[in-house]
C-alpha cells in the first residue's frame, strides 16, 4: 500500500465577479479523481484505489486556491503498487496542466505485501486447537445478537460467505455458529488475497512472520464500523484477545524450545524471499502532520 496526499495550488478570486482571474485547485483535485477512476479499468482486478477530499475550499463564492485529495493505492504485490502509483502521479500532472495549477505530494506511508510463513502458521493452528475456541457467555451472545441485528441482511450473508470461502474444506454455515464463531476454523489450502494493508507485511519481508485471527465480533459486523468497536470493547473482544495471547505465548515457547522448528521457519523464509528488502519510504521521511 501507498498512502499519499496530493495538494493542488491555484489562485483565489471571486467566483461570480471575476472567476477568470482564479485558478481552481479543487478543479485539479476533482479532475485527478476522474482520471484515477478511468485508470481502474486498466489495472489488475485486485488493485484498489480509494480517496477522500480532505480540503476542497472555504466557501462557494471563492475560487479555491488550495485543495487536497488523499489516496490509498493497494495491490497484492509491492511492485504493482509502485507501478500504479507512478501512473497516478502522471494523472496528477495532467490534472494540474488542465487547470493551470501546480501540485505537490505528501507521501504518508507505504508497506509491502504479507509473506506468510507456513511453519509458524502451523504452530499457530496447532496451539489454537490445543487451547480451543472462546467460551462465550450468554451475556456475550445476547449482546452479539443485538449488534448483528443492526447489520443489513445482505451484508451479513456476504460476510458469512467470505468466511466460508477462506475456511478449510468441510466447514459449513452451521459450524460457524449463529452469531459468534465458536469453533477453530481449519486453514484453507488456497492462499487468498486479503485486501487490507499492514506494516506487518514489511516485517514479514525481513524475518519469518505469520498471523491468525480470533473471534472478537459477531458474524457480519463490518470492519471500521461502530459495531466492530462495540464488540471488541466488550466481553466478546476480551475472550478473543485472551485466546490470541495464549496462542502467541505457546507458539513463542515452541520456537524457543524446538530449535529444529525455528530452523525450518528460517529456511522457508530464505527460500521464499528474493531481492533484498528496500523500504518504500522516501529518504529522510518524517511523520507528516495530519491536521492540514
Foldseek 3Di string as FASTA:
>chain_A
DWKKKKKKFKAKDFQPPCVVVIQASLQLVVQLVVVVVVCCVVADVLKDKDKDWPDRADDPRMRRRMTMMIMDIFDQFPVSSVVVVVVSVVSSVVSCVVRVIDMDMDTAFDAGHADAQVLLVVLLLVLLVVVFAFDDDPVLVVVQVVLVVVFDPVLLVVQLVVVVVQFDPPDDSVCQPDWHRRGRTHGHPDDDDDNDDDNVRVVVLVAHDHDDFGIQHTRRDDPPDVRSVVSCPDVSVVRRVVSVVSSVVVSVVCCVVPVVSVVVSRVSSVVPHDDHDDGPDDPPDDRDDDPD
